Amino acid sequence: MHKDKIVISGINGFVGQHLAKALNDLGVSVIGIGSEPYVAEPLRDSVSKYYSQNLIDSWPDTGPVKSVIHLAGLASVGPSFDNPQLYINSNSAMVTNLSEYYLEQESKPRAIIVSSGAIYSPDQPMPIAEDSEISLNSPYAVSKVLVENQAAYYRARGLDCIVVRPFNHIGPGQAPGFILPDFYKRLSATTENVIKVGNIDSKRDYTDVRDIVQAYVMLATAPTLGHNIYNVCSGYSLSGSDILHKLKEAVERADIIFEVDPSLIRPTDAQEIVGDSSRLQDELGWKPQYTIDQTIKDFVEARVTQ
C-alpha cells in the first residue's frame, strides 16, 4: 500500500524527534532534513530517508510529497540580539528555498511554516488570538514575521502555505536554554538547599511538545483547512514558581528554596502571556492531552534514563 510522504526539516531537534515518531506511528513515510551528517540515533527506525543539507543554501530534491513541516531555523530570542542579520537572513532563506523548490513540482504539497507566539505584543488584552496585535520586539520576531509574509507571497503563487504560531514548548527531551531543563540542571547540580532564580512570578502559556506535535500532524494531514494561520497553545498560564515547585516534587528535593538574583531578571519581561487556540480546537478538534504534572514527570524520567 502506498504511504503518504511527509518532510520534516530540522528533524533532529527537540520537536522534530517527537514529530517524526508521531508520523511514523500513523504509517506515514517520514523524510527528514537536518544540518547534521546523520539522522539522530533515536529516529533511525522512524525515518525512511534523510538529507543532510544546509537549507540556507538550497533545498534537497525530495520529489513529490504530501506535506512539508518546516521546523528548521534559528529559534532563540535572546541570541538574536547579538547577530540580528544572521537570524533574518537564515530564517528567510530557508523558506525561500523550500517554496521555490516545491513551486517547480507538478504536485504541490501543503507547507506548514512554523512561526512563533513570540511575535505577539504582550501589552494587550489576553488571551491572544490570531488577529491580536503583533510586536517586532526582537530580531527573532522580525525574522518570523518576515517568514509569515513570505508564506503569504508563496500562497498567492499557488503553494498551500499554512502558518502556525506555537507558544512555549515544554516536555521530555528538551535541551538546556529553557525553563524546565535549566531548573532541572540547577536542582540536580546543587549540594546546597538554595538555588538562584530570576523572575519566577511571570506567567506563560506552556504546551507539552507532544500536544504541539499532534497539532502539526492534524494541520499537515487535514483534507482542507479554513484558515491560513493557527495558534498552538494551552490557553492557560503557569508561573515559573508553579513549575519549580512541581519539579521539586518530581525530583524529591522539597528542601530546596529559591532566592531571587536581580541579575537574572529581564526588565522587559511581561507579567503574563496566554494564548487562544480556539480556532484550531473548533476546526480540527485538537486539544491538549498532557497535564503539566505529567509533562514534568515524563521529563524527569527521560533524564534519569539517559
C-alpha atoms as a PDB file:
ATOM      1  CA  MET A   1       0.000   0.000   0.000  1.00  0.00           C
ATOM      2  CA  HIS A   2       1.289   3.466  -0.888  1.00  0.00           C
ATOM      3  CA  LYS A   3       2.320   5.538   2.111  1.00  0.00           C
ATOM      4  CA  ASP A   4       1.930   9.302   2.259  1.00  0.00           C
ATOM      5  CA  LYS A   5       5.297  11.064   2.351  1.00  0.00           C
ATOM      6  CA  ILE A   6       5.818  13.985   4.712  1.00  0.00           C
ATOM      7  CA  VAL A   7       9.028  16.019   5.005  1.00  0.00           C
ATOM      8  CA  ILE A   8      10.261  17.318   8.359  1.00  0.00           C
ATOM      9  CA  SER A   9      13.017  19.921   8.258  1.00  0.00           C
ATOM     10  CA  GLY A  10      15.015  20.286  11.458  1.00  0.00           C
ATOM     11  CA  ILE A  11      14.132  16.672  12.253  1.00  0.00           C
ATOM     12  CA  ASN A  12      16.977  16.150  14.736  1.00  0.00           C
ATOM     13  CA  GLY A  13      15.722  18.876  17.064  1.00  0.00           C
ATOM     14  CA  PHE A  14      13.514  18.663  20.129  1.00  0.00           C
ATOM     15  CA  VAL A  15      10.203  18.992  18.264  1.00  0.00           C
ATOM     16  CA  GLY A  16      11.406  17.167  15.160  1.00  0.00           C
ATOM     17  CA  GLN A  17      12.177  13.955  17.006  1.00  0.00           C
ATOM     18  CA  HIS A  18       8.738  13.852  18.645  1.00  0.00           C
ATOM     19  CA  LEU A  19       7.068  14.714  15.329  1.00  0.00           C
ATOM     20  CA  ALA A  20       8.901  12.011  13.370  1.00  0.00           C
ATOM     21  CA  LYS A  21       7.827   9.344  15.841  1.00  0.00           C
ATOM     22  CA  ALA A  22       4.216  10.543  15.804  1.00  0.00           C
ATOM     23  CA  LEU A  23       4.026  10.473  12.000  1.00  0.00           C
ATOM     24  CA  ASN A  24       5.760   7.107  11.795  1.00  0.00           C
ATOM     25  CA  ASP A  25       3.213   5.683  14.237  1.00  0.00           C
ATOM     26  CA  LEU A  26       0.479   6.807  11.837  1.00  0.00           C
ATOM     27  CA  GLY A  27       2.080   4.877   8.984  1.00  0.00           C
ATOM     28  CA  VAL A  28       3.493   7.947   7.226  1.00  0.00           C
ATOM     29  CA  SER A  29       6.763   7.691   5.308  1.00  0.00           C
ATOM     30  CA  VAL A  30       8.899  10.340   7.034  1.00  0.00           C
ATOM     31  CA  ILE A  31      11.581  12.184   5.055  1.00  0.00           C
ATOM     32  CA  GLY A  32      13.967  14.056   7.312  1.00  0.00           C
ATOM     33  CA  ILE A  33      16.207  17.043   6.665  1.00  0.00           C
ATOM     34  CA  GLY A  34      18.856  18.204   9.111  1.00  0.00           C
ATOM     35  CA  SER A  35      22.149  20.063   9.215  1.00  0.00           C
ATOM     36  CA  GLU A  36      23.813  17.118  10.970  1.00  0.00           C
ATOM     37  CA  PRO A  37      25.625  14.430   8.913  1.00  0.00           C
ATOM     38  CA  TYR A  38      23.249  11.687  10.053  1.00  0.00           C
ATOM     39  CA  VAL A  39      19.756  11.386  11.452  1.00  0.00           C
ATOM     40  CA  ALA A  40      19.626  11.235  15.256  1.00  0.00           C
ATOM     41  CA  GLU A  41      20.036   7.715  16.619  1.00  0.00           C
ATOM     42  CA  PRO A  42      16.546   7.518  18.226  1.00  0.00           C
ATOM     43  CA  LEU A  43      14.992   8.212  14.799  1.00  0.00           C
ATOM     44  CA  ARG A  44      16.763   5.523  12.761  1.00  0.00           C
ATOM     45  CA  ASP A  45      13.622   3.369  12.642  1.00  0.00           C
ATOM     46  CA  SER A  46      11.208   6.267  12.113  1.00  0.00           C
ATOM     47  CA  VAL A  47      12.762   7.936   9.057  1.00  0.00           C
ATOM     48  CA  SER A  48      12.624   6.410   5.583  1.00  0.00           C
ATOM     49  CA  LYS A  49      15.097   8.858   4.036  1.00  0.00           C
ATOM     50  CA  TYR A  50      17.392  11.534   5.426  1.00  0.00           C
ATOM     51  CA  TYR A  51      19.070  14.501   3.764  1.00  0.00           C
ATOM     52  CA  SER A  52      21.989  16.295   5.391  1.00  0.00           C
ATOM     53  CA  GLN A  53      21.520  19.790   3.991  1.00  0.00           C
ATOM     54  CA  ASN A  54      22.236  23.427   4.758  1.00  0.00           C
ATOM     55  CA  LEU A  55      18.810  24.837   3.902  1.00  0.00           C
ATOM     56  CA  ILE A  56      20.177  28.375   3.783  1.00  0.00           C
ATOM     57  CA  ASP A  57      21.914  27.353   0.554  1.00  0.00           C
ATOM     58  CA  SER A  58      19.322  25.110  -1.092  1.00  0.00           C
ATOM     59  CA  TRP A  59      16.513  22.599  -0.604  1.00  0.00           C
ATOM     60  CA  PRO A  60      17.174  18.900  -1.301  1.00  0.00           C
ATOM     61  CA  ASP A  61      15.460  17.090  -4.159  1.00  0.00           C
ATOM     62  CA  THR A  62      12.812  15.237  -2.163  1.00  0.00           C
ATOM     63  CA  GLY A  63      10.479  14.749  -5.108  1.00  0.00           C
ATOM     64  CA  PRO A  64       6.697  14.933  -4.696  1.00  0.00           C
ATOM     65  CA  VAL A  65       5.372  14.712  -1.106  1.00  0.00           C
ATOM     66  CA  LYS A  66       2.040  15.240   0.657  1.00  0.00           C
ATOM     67  CA  SER A  67       3.221  17.856   3.140  1.00  0.00           C
ATOM     68  CA  VAL A  68       6.282  19.661   4.475  1.00  0.00           C
ATOM     69  CA  ILE A  69       6.548  20.620   8.146  1.00  0.00           C
ATOM     70  CA  HIS A  70       9.256  23.259   8.326  1.00  0.00           C
ATOM     71  CA  LEU A  71      10.794  23.286  11.800  1.00  0.00           C
ATOM     72  CA  ALA A  72      14.348  24.243  10.816  1.00  0.00           C
ATOM     73  CA  GLY A  73      15.589  27.703  11.725  1.00  0.00           C
ATOM     74  CA  LEU A  74      17.281  29.836  14.341  1.00  0.00           C
ATOM     75  CA  ALA A  75      14.864  29.727  17.243  1.00  0.00           C
ATOM     76  CA  SER A  76      16.050  31.659  20.313  1.00  0.00           C
ATOM     77  CA  VAL A  77      15.000  35.208  21.113  1.00  0.00           C
ATOM     78  CA  GLY A  78      17.990  36.201  23.293  1.00  0.00           C
ATOM     79  CA  PRO A  79      20.861  35.332  20.909  1.00  0.00           C
ATOM     80  CA  SER A  80      19.066  37.076  18.027  1.00  0.00           C
ATOM     81  CA  PHE A  81      20.070  40.459  19.519  1.00  0.00           C
ATOM     82  CA  ASP A  82      23.749  39.518  19.184  1.00  0.00           C
ATOM     83  CA  ASN A  83      23.509  38.659  15.488  1.00  0.00           C
ATOM     84  CA  PRO A  84      20.270  40.097  14.097  1.00  0.00           C
ATOM     85  CA  GLN A  85      21.078  39.868  10.402  1.00  0.00           C
ATOM     86  CA  LEU A  86      22.029  36.197  10.720  1.00  0.00           C
ATOM     87  CA  TYR A  87      18.570  35.424  12.102  1.00  0.00           C
ATOM     88  CA  ILE A  88      16.774  37.459   9.469  1.00  0.00           C
ATOM     89  CA  ASN A  89      18.812  36.103   6.549  1.00  0.00           C
ATOM     90  CA  SER A  90      18.847  32.477   7.674  1.00  0.00           C
ATOM     91  CA  ASN A  91      15.187  32.044   8.548  1.00  0.00           C
ATOM     92  CA  SER A  92      14.085  33.856   5.401  1.00  0.00           C
ATOM     93  CA  ALA A  93      16.440  31.979   3.056  1.00  0.00           C
ATOM     94  CA  MET A  94      15.178  28.592   4.216  1.00  0.00           C
ATOM     95  CA  VAL A  95      11.560  29.466   3.390  1.00  0.00           C
ATOM     96  CA  THR A  96      12.581  30.891   0.015  1.00  0.00           C
ATOM     97  CA  ASN A  97      14.435  27.703  -0.896  1.00  0.00           C
ATOM     98  CA  LEU A  98      11.612  25.470   0.324  1.00  0.00           C
ATOM     99  CA  SER A  99       8.961  27.396  -1.562  1.00  0.00           C
ATOM    100  CA  GLU A 100      10.857  27.862  -4.818  1.00  0.00           C
ATOM    101  CA  TYR A 101      11.672  24.135  -4.934  1.00  0.00           C
ATOM    102  CA  TYR A 102       8.095  22.946  -4.422  1.00  0.00           C
ATOM    103  CA  LEU A 103       6.638  25.537  -6.790  1.00  0.00           C
ATOM    104  CA  GLU A 104       8.540  23.672  -9.507  1.00  0.00           C
ATOM    105  CA  GLN A 105       6.960  20.349  -8.548  1.00  0.00           C
ATOM    106  CA  GLU A 106       3.897  19.231 -10.507  1.00  0.00           C
ATOM    107  CA  SER A 107       2.207  18.056  -7.300  1.00  0.00           C
ATOM    108  CA  LYS A 108       2.453  20.832  -4.740  1.00  0.00           C
ATOM    109  CA  PRO A 109       2.464  19.883  -1.043  1.00  0.00           C
ATOM    110  CA  ARG A 110       0.981  21.714   1.885  1.00  0.00           C
ATOM    111  CA  ALA A 111       3.780  23.598   3.674  1.00  0.00           C
ATOM    112  CA  ILE A 112       3.417  24.065   7.427  1.00  0.00           C
ATOM    113  CA  ILE A 113       5.575  27.106   8.196  1.00  0.00           C
ATOM    114  CA  VAL A 114       6.377  27.302  11.905  1.00  0.00           C
ATOM    115  CA  SER A 115       6.372  30.857  13.224  1.00  0.00           C
ATOM    116  CA  SER A 116       6.059  31.716  16.929  1.00  0.00           C
ATOM    117  CA  GLY A 117       3.741  33.086  19.582  1.00  0.00           C
ATOM    118  CA  ALA A 118       6.673  35.361  20.478  1.00  0.00           C
ATOM    119  CA  ILE A 119       5.664  37.718  17.657  1.00  0.00           C
ATOM    120  CA  TYR A 120       2.620  38.940  19.619  1.00  0.00           C
ATOM    121  CA  SER A 121       2.723  42.083  21.715  1.00  0.00           C
ATOM    122  CA  PRO A 122       2.474  41.293  25.428  1.00  0.00           C
ATOM    123  CA  ASP A 123       0.849  44.689  26.016  1.00  0.00           C
ATOM    124  CA  GLN A 124      -2.698  43.805  25.004  1.00  0.00           C
ATOM    125  CA  PRO A 125      -5.763  42.003  26.394  1.00  0.00           C
ATOM    126  CA  MET A 126      -5.371  38.288  26.992  1.00  0.00           C
ATOM    127  CA  PRO A 127      -5.862  35.658  25.670  1.00  0.00           C
ATOM    128  CA  ILE A 128      -4.049  36.306  22.402  1.00  0.00           C
ATOM    129  CA  ALA A 129      -5.848  35.185  19.231  1.00  0.00           C
ATOM    130  CA  GLU A 130      -4.540  35.035  15.667  1.00  0.00           C
ATOM    131  CA  ASP A 131      -5.760  38.563  14.905  1.00  0.00           C
ATOM    132  CA  SER A 132      -4.164  40.092  18.021  1.00  0.00           C
ATOM    133  CA  GLU A 133      -1.511  42.794  17.831  1.00  0.00           C
ATOM    134  CA  ILE A 134       1.964  41.838  16.662  1.00  0.00           C
ATOM    135  CA  SER A 135       5.129  43.407  18.073  1.00  0.00           C
ATOM    136  CA  LEU A 136       8.516  43.485  16.351  1.00  0.00           C
ATOM    137  CA  ASN A 137      10.393  43.430  19.658  1.00  0.00           C
ATOM    138  CA  SER A 138      13.404  41.276  18.715  1.00  0.00           C
ATOM    139  CA  PRO A 139      15.362  40.291  15.598  1.00  0.00           C
ATOM    140  CA  TYR A 140      13.893  36.819  16.097  1.00  0.00           C
ATOM    141  CA  ALA A 141      10.359  38.237  15.924  1.00  0.00           C
ATOM    142  CA  VAL A 142      11.315  40.279  12.848  1.00  0.00           C
ATOM    143  CA  SER A 143      12.571  37.118  11.142  1.00  0.00           C
ATOM    144  CA  LYS A 144       9.369  35.221  11.953  1.00  0.00           C
ATOM    145  CA  VAL A 145       7.085  37.985  10.697  1.00  0.00           C
ATOM    146  CA  LEU A 146       9.191  38.084   7.522  1.00  0.00           C
ATOM    147  CA  VAL A 147       8.738  34.325   7.148  1.00  0.00           C
ATOM    148  CA  GLU A 148       4.970  34.734   7.547  1.00  0.00           C
ATOM    149  CA  ASN A 149       4.961  37.390   4.818  1.00  0.00           C
ATOM    150  CA  GLN A 150       6.878  35.004   2.582  1.00  0.00           C
ATOM    151  CA  ALA A 151       4.253  32.340   3.267  1.00  0.00           C
ATOM    152  CA  ALA A 152       1.560  34.797   2.127  1.00  0.00           C
ATOM    153  CA  TYR A 153       3.555  35.617  -1.002  1.00  0.00           C
ATOM    154  CA  TYR A 154       4.039  31.971  -1.961  1.00  0.00           C
ATOM    155  CA  ARG A 155       0.416  31.202  -1.118  1.00  0.00           C
ATOM    156  CA  ALA A 156      -0.573  33.780  -3.730  1.00  0.00           C
ATOM    157  CA  ARG A 157       1.688  31.942  -6.179  1.00  0.00           C
ATOM    158  CA  GLY A 158      -0.127  28.653  -5.660  1.00  0.00           C
ATOM    159  CA  LEU A 159       1.603  26.957  -2.717  1.00  0.00           C
ATOM    160  CA  ASP A 160      -0.594  25.828   0.175  1.00  0.00           C
ATOM    161  CA  CYS A 161       1.322  27.610   2.946  1.00  0.00           C
ATOM    162  CA  ILE A 162      -0.093  27.359   6.467  1.00  0.00           C
ATOM    163  CA  VAL A 163       1.452  29.372   9.309  1.00  0.00           C
ATOM    164  CA  VAL A 164       1.461  28.015  12.859  1.00  0.00           C
ATOM    165  CA  ARG A 165       2.294  30.107  15.908  1.00  0.00           C
ATOM    166  CA  PRO A 166       3.234  27.836  18.802  1.00  0.00           C
ATOM    167  CA  PHE A 167       3.632  29.354  22.254  1.00  0.00           C
ATOM    168  CA  ASN A 168       6.057  27.988  24.883  1.00  0.00           C
ATOM    169  CA  HIS A 169       7.108  24.365  24.349  1.00  0.00           C
ATOM    170  CA  ILE A 170       7.853  22.044  27.254  1.00  0.00           C
ATOM    171  CA  GLY A 171       8.447  18.310  27.579  1.00  0.00           C
ATOM    172  CA  PRO A 172      10.726  15.276  27.627  1.00  0.00           C
ATOM    173  CA  GLY A 173      13.964  15.614  25.687  1.00  0.00           C
ATOM    174  CA  GLN A 174      14.120  19.414  25.821  1.00  0.00           C
ATOM    175  CA  ALA A 175      17.673  20.765  25.801  1.00  0.00           C
ATOM    176  CA  PRO A 176      19.087  23.492  28.081  1.00  0.00           C
ATOM    177  CA  GLY A 177      18.129  27.086  27.402  1.00  0.00           C
ATOM    178  CA  PHE A 178      14.513  26.712  28.538  1.00  0.00           C
ATOM    179  CA  ILE A 179      12.834  26.848  31.936  1.00  0.00           C
ATOM    180  CA  LEU A 180      12.329  23.151  32.682  1.00  0.00           C
ATOM    181  CA  PRO A 181      15.752  21.764  31.669  1.00  0.00           C
ATOM    182  CA  ASP A 182      17.550  24.768  33.169  1.00  0.00           C
ATOM    183  CA  PHE A 183      15.836  24.423  36.533  1.00  0.00           C
ATOM    184  CA  TYR A 184      16.332  20.655  36.466  1.00  0.00           C
ATOM    185  CA  LYS A 185      20.056  21.158  35.898  1.00  0.00           C
ATOM    186  CA  ARG A 186      20.323  23.590  38.807  1.00  0.00           C
ATOM    187  CA  LEU A 187      18.364  21.316  41.134  1.00  0.00           C
ATOM    188  CA  SER A 188      20.452  18.298  40.150  1.00  0.00           C
ATOM    189  CA  ALA A 189      23.802  20.073  40.494  1.00  0.00           C
ATOM    190  CA  THR A 190      23.347  21.855  43.806  1.00  0.00           C
ATOM    191  CA  THR A 191      24.698  20.440  47.052  1.00  0.00           C
ATOM    192  CA  GLU A 192      23.103  23.294  48.976  1.00  0.00           C
ATOM    193  CA  ASN A 193      19.439  23.850  49.694  1.00  0.00           C
ATOM    194  CA  VAL A 194      19.299  27.211  47.847  1.00  0.00           C
ATOM    195  CA  ILE A 195      19.329  27.999  44.137  1.00  0.00           C
ATOM    196  CA  LYS A 196      19.308  31.400  42.443  1.00  0.00           C
ATOM    197  CA  VAL A 197      16.429  32.314  40.139  1.00  0.00           C
ATOM    198  CA  GLY A 198      15.215  35.277  38.132  1.00  0.00           C
ATOM    199  CA  ASN A 199      11.600  36.428  37.915  1.00  0.00           C
ATOM    200  CA  ILE A 200       9.675  33.255  38.707  1.00  0.00           C
ATOM    201  CA  ASP A 201       6.387  35.103  39.164  1.00  0.00           C
ATOM    202  CA  SER A 202       5.847  35.878  35.461  1.00  0.00           C
ATOM    203  CA  LYS A 203       3.341  33.534  33.829  1.00  0.00           C
ATOM    204  CA  ARG A 204       3.489  31.874  30.418  1.00  0.00           C
ATOM    205  CA  ASP A 205       1.351  29.580  28.291  1.00  0.00           C
ATOM    206  CA  TYR A 206       3.123  26.192  28.221  1.00  0.00           C
ATOM    207  CA  THR A 207       2.131  23.284  25.973  1.00  0.00           C
ATOM    208  CA  ASP A 208       3.603  19.783  26.020  1.00  0.00           C
ATOM    209  CA  VAL A 209       5.690  19.155  22.905  1.00  0.00           C
ATOM    210  CA  ARG A 210       3.674  16.009  22.202  1.00  0.00           C
ATOM    211  CA  ASP A 211       0.465  18.048  22.057  1.00  0.00           C
ATOM    212  CA  ILE A 212       2.135  20.603  19.781  1.00  0.00           C
ATOM    213  CA  VAL A 213       3.242  17.774  17.500  1.00  0.00           C
ATOM    214  CA  GLN A 214      -0.324  16.460  17.271  1.00  0.00           C
ATOM    215  CA  ALA A 215      -1.471  19.900  16.123  1.00  0.00           C
ATOM    216  CA  TYR A 216       1.167  19.858  13.371  1.00  0.00           C
ATOM    217  CA  VAL A 217       0.099  16.369  12.306  1.00  0.00           C
ATOM    218  CA  MET A 218      -3.546  17.423  12.100  1.00  0.00           C
ATOM    219  CA  LEU A 219      -2.714  20.543  10.106  1.00  0.00           C
ATOM    220  CA  ALA A 220      -0.418  18.654   7.730  1.00  0.00           C
ATOM    221  CA  THR A 221      -2.920  15.882   7.000  1.00  0.00           C
ATOM    222  CA  ALA A 222      -6.343  17.596   7.081  1.00  0.00           C
ATOM    223  CA  PRO A 223      -8.057  17.402   3.657  1.00  0.00           C
ATOM    224  CA  THR A 224      -8.900  21.108   3.809  1.00  0.00           C
ATOM    225  CA  LEU A 225      -8.296  23.983   6.199  1.00  0.00           C
ATOM    226  CA  GLY A 226     -10.420  27.037   6.811  1.00  0.00           C
ATOM    227  CA  HIS A 227      -7.635  29.458   7.741  1.00  0.00           C
ATOM    228  CA  ASN A 228      -4.036  30.290   6.919  1.00  0.00           C
ATOM    229  CA  ILE A 229      -2.786  30.950  10.483  1.00  0.00           C
ATOM    230  CA  TYR A 230      -3.240  28.896  13.654  1.00  0.00           C
ATOM    231  CA  ASN A 231      -2.143  29.409  17.250  1.00  0.00           C
ATOM    232  CA  VAL A 232      -0.948  26.325  19.123  1.00  0.00           C
ATOM    233  CA  CYS A 233      -1.210  26.863  22.888  1.00  0.00           C
ATOM    234  CA  SER A 234      -2.899  25.570  26.016  1.00  0.00           C
ATOM    235  CA  GLY A 235      -4.983  28.632  26.871  1.00  0.00           C
ATOM    236  CA  TYR A 236      -3.678  28.602  30.448  1.00  0.00           C
ATOM    237  CA  SER A 237      -0.752  30.316  32.123  1.00  0.00           C
ATOM    238  CA  LEU A 238       1.689  28.989  34.703  1.00  0.00           C
ATOM    239  CA  SER A 239       4.309  30.897  36.656  1.00  0.00           C
ATOM    240  CA  GLY A 240       7.926  29.878  36.876  1.00  0.00           C
ATOM    241  CA  SER A 241       7.244  29.335  40.565  1.00  0.00           C
ATOM    242  CA  ASP A 242       4.495  26.822  39.743  1.00  0.00           C
ATOM    243  CA  ILE A 243       6.841  24.849  37.521  1.00  0.00           C
ATOM    244  CA  LEU A 244       9.691  24.975  40.027  1.00  0.00           C
ATOM    245  CA  HIS A 245       7.561  23.643  42.863  1.00  0.00           C
ATOM    246  CA  LYS A 246       6.219  20.811  40.724  1.00  0.00           C
ATOM    247  CA  LEU A 247       9.758  19.991  39.595  1.00  0.00           C
ATOM    248  CA  LYS A 248      10.977  19.940  43.210  1.00  0.00           C
ATOM    249  CA  GLU A 249       8.324  17.345  43.986  1.00  0.00           C
ATOM    250  CA  ALA A 250       9.212  15.270  40.925  1.00  0.00           C
ATOM    251  CA  VAL A 251      12.919  15.093  41.860  1.00  0.00           C
ATOM    252  CA  GLU A 252      12.150  14.712  45.564  1.00  0.00           C
ATOM    253  CA  ARG A 253      14.017  17.878  46.624  1.00  0.00           C
ATOM    254  CA  ALA A 254      11.391  19.594  48.725  1.00  0.00           C
ATOM    255  CA  ASP A 255      14.181  21.030  50.869  1.00  0.00           C
ATOM    256  CA  ILE A 256      15.341  23.386  48.114  1.00  0.00           C
ATOM    257  CA  ILE A 257      14.410  27.051  48.474  1.00  0.00           C
ATOM    258  CA  PHE A 258      14.704  29.809  45.865  1.00  0.00           C
ATOM    259  CA  GLU A 259      16.420  33.148  46.126  1.00  0.00           C
ATOM    260  CA  VAL A 260      15.918  35.862  43.521  1.00  0.00           C
ATOM    261  CA  ASP A 261      19.084  37.087  41.809  1.00  0.00           C
ATOM    262  CA  PRO A 262      18.389  40.573  40.355  1.00  0.00           C
ATOM    263  CA  SER A 263      20.987  39.985  37.615  1.00  0.00           C
ATOM    264  CA  LEU A 264      18.807  37.192  36.208  1.00  0.00           C
ATOM    265  CA  ILE A 265      15.723  39.390  35.827  1.00  0.00           C
ATOM    266  CA  ARG A 266      14.939  40.833  32.407  1.00  0.00           C
ATOM    267  CA  PRO A 267      13.470  44.342  32.835  1.00  0.00           C
ATOM    268  CA  THR A 268      11.112  43.969  29.859  1.00  0.00           C
ATOM    269  CA  ASP A 269       9.703  40.612  30.950  1.00  0.00           C
ATOM    270  CA  ALA A 270       5.895  40.602  30.536  1.00  0.00           C
ATOM    271  CA  GLN A 271       3.964  39.586  33.641  1.00  0.00           C
ATOM    272  CA  GLU A 272       1.568  37.191  31.867  1.00  0.00           C
ATOM    273  CA  ILE A 273       1.022  35.782  28.394  1.00  0.00           C
ATOM    274  CA  VAL A 274      -1.872  33.492  27.493  1.00  0.00           C
ATOM    275  CA  GLY A 275      -2.806  32.272  24.034  1.00  0.00           C
ATOM    276  CA  ASP A 276      -6.126  31.396  22.412  1.00  0.00           C
ATOM    277  CA  SER A 277      -6.175  28.206  20.315  1.00  0.00           C
ATOM    278  CA  SER A 278      -9.952  28.043  19.818  1.00  0.00           C
ATOM    279  CA  ARG A 279      -9.542  28.267  16.025  1.00  0.00           C
ATOM    280  CA  LEU A 280      -7.518  25.056  15.988  1.00  0.00           C
ATOM    281  CA  GLN A 281      -9.776  23.372  18.527  1.00  0.00           C
ATOM    282  CA  ASP A 282     -13.024  24.301  16.788  1.00  0.00           C
ATOM    283  CA  GLU A 283     -11.851  23.379  13.305  1.00  0.00           C
ATOM    284  CA  LEU A 284      -9.843  20.203  13.891  1.00  0.00           C
ATOM    285  CA  GLY A 285     -10.881  19.069  17.366  1.00  0.00           C
ATOM    286  CA  TRP A 286      -7.362  19.476  18.773  1.00  0.00           C
ATOM    287  CA  LYS A 287      -6.914  19.974  22.486  1.00  0.00           C
ATOM    288  CA  PRO A 288      -4.000  19.407  24.878  1.00  0.00           C
ATOM    289  CA  GLN A 289      -3.861  15.903  26.357  1.00  0.00           C
ATOM    290  CA  TYR A 290      -0.934  16.253  28.770  1.00  0.00           C
ATOM    291  CA  THR A 291      -1.208  17.936  32.158  1.00  0.00           C
ATOM    292  CA  ILE A 292       1.778  19.931  33.425  1.00  0.00           C
ATOM    293  CA  ASP A 293       2.275  17.315  36.150  1.00  0.00           C
ATOM    294  CA  GLN A 294       2.522  14.530  33.576  1.00  0.00           C
ATOM    295  CA  THR A 295       4.850  16.609  31.414  1.00  0.00           C
ATOM    296  CA  ILE A 296       7.254  17.246  34.279  1.00  0.00           C
ATOM    297  CA  LYS A 297       7.104  13.607  35.412  1.00  0.00           C
ATOM    298  CA  ASP A 298       7.933  12.390  31.893  1.00  0.00           C
ATOM    299  CA  PHE A 299      10.707  14.958  31.524  1.00  0.00           C
ATOM    300  CA  VAL A 300      12.385  13.830  34.738  1.00  0.00           C
ATOM    301  CA  GLU A 301      12.012  10.145  33.884  1.00  0.00           C
ATOM    302  CA  ALA A 302      13.585  10.735  30.461  1.00  0.00           C
ATOM    303  CA  ARG A 303      16.543  12.484  32.090  1.00  0.00           C
ATOM    304  CA  VAL A 304      17.035   9.731  34.666  1.00  0.00           C
ATOM    305  CA  THR A 305      17.112   7.022  31.982  1.00  0.00           C
ATOM    306  CA  GLN A 306      19.537   8.867  29.687  1.00  0.00           C
END
